[in-house]
Protein backbone atom coordinates (compact mmCIF):
# COMPACT_ATOMS: atom_id res chain seq x y z
CA MET A 1 2.85 -39.00 -6.15
CA VAL A 2 0.45 -38.01 -3.35
CA LYS A 3 3.25 -36.11 -1.59
CA CYS A 4 3.94 -34.19 -4.78
CA ILE A 5 0.28 -33.17 -5.15
CA ILE A 6 0.01 -32.14 -1.50
CA SER A 7 3.23 -30.12 -1.77
CA PHE A 8 1.98 -28.39 -4.92
CA LEU A 9 -1.36 -27.49 -3.31
CA PHE A 10 0.37 -26.23 -0.17
CA LEU A 11 2.77 -24.03 -2.14
CA SER A 12 0.02 -22.66 -4.37
CA VAL A 13 -2.10 -21.67 -1.35
CA ILE A 14 0.85 -20.00 0.36
CA THR A 15 1.98 -18.00 -2.69
CA CYS A 16 -1.53 -16.89 -3.69
CA GLY A 17 -2.64 -15.87 -0.21
CA CYS A 18 0.09 -13.40 0.70
CA SER A 19 -0.29 -10.72 -1.97
CA ASP A 20 -1.86 -8.25 0.50
CA TRP A 21 0.94 -8.76 2.99
CA LEU A 22 3.53 -7.62 0.47
CA THR A 23 1.83 -4.29 -0.23
CA ILE A 24 3.66 -1.79 1.95
CA MET A 25 3.14 1.95 1.64
CA PRO A 26 5.96 4.27 2.72
CA LYS A 27 5.20 6.48 5.71
CA THR A 28 5.51 9.57 3.52
CA GLN A 29 2.74 8.43 1.15
CA MET A 30 -0.93 8.10 1.97
CA PRO A 31 -3.93 7.14 -0.17
CA ALA A 32 -6.15 10.07 -1.20
CA GLU A 33 -9.16 8.51 0.55
CA GLU A 34 -7.26 8.60 3.85
CA MET A 35 -5.66 12.00 3.28
CA PHE A 36 -8.82 13.98 2.62
CA LYS A 37 -10.96 12.45 5.39
CA THR A 38 -9.94 15.15 7.86
CA GLU A 39 -9.27 18.86 7.68
CA GLU A 40 -5.71 18.26 8.86
CA GLY A 41 -5.09 15.89 5.95
CA PHE A 42 -6.41 18.47 3.50
CA GLN A 43 -4.15 21.14 5.00
CA ASP A 44 -1.14 18.80 4.77
CA ALA A 45 -1.87 18.18 1.08
CA LEU A 46 -2.24 21.90 0.44
CA MET A 47 1.05 22.58 2.23
CA GLY A 48 2.72 20.03 -0.05
CA VAL A 49 1.40 21.89 -3.08
CA TYR A 50 2.73 25.19 -1.73
CA ILE A 51 6.15 23.65 -1.09
CA ASP A 52 6.25 22.23 -4.63
CA LEU A 53 5.29 25.63 -6.09
CA SER A 54 8.00 27.41 -4.13
CA ASP A 55 10.63 25.28 -5.90
CA LEU A 56 9.66 26.73 -9.31
């Protein structure tokens, strides 16, 4: 019985603690907070808008 409780606690700690590890952003995507911190990031975002508009 004690082994079962210890195993349950161990598994619950492992499965609850790794949610941040599973969040992976693709290299082509960047959060807005990161993108607009620098002038280069702003220019990259603006270039993406221009490219999207040229497809219309």
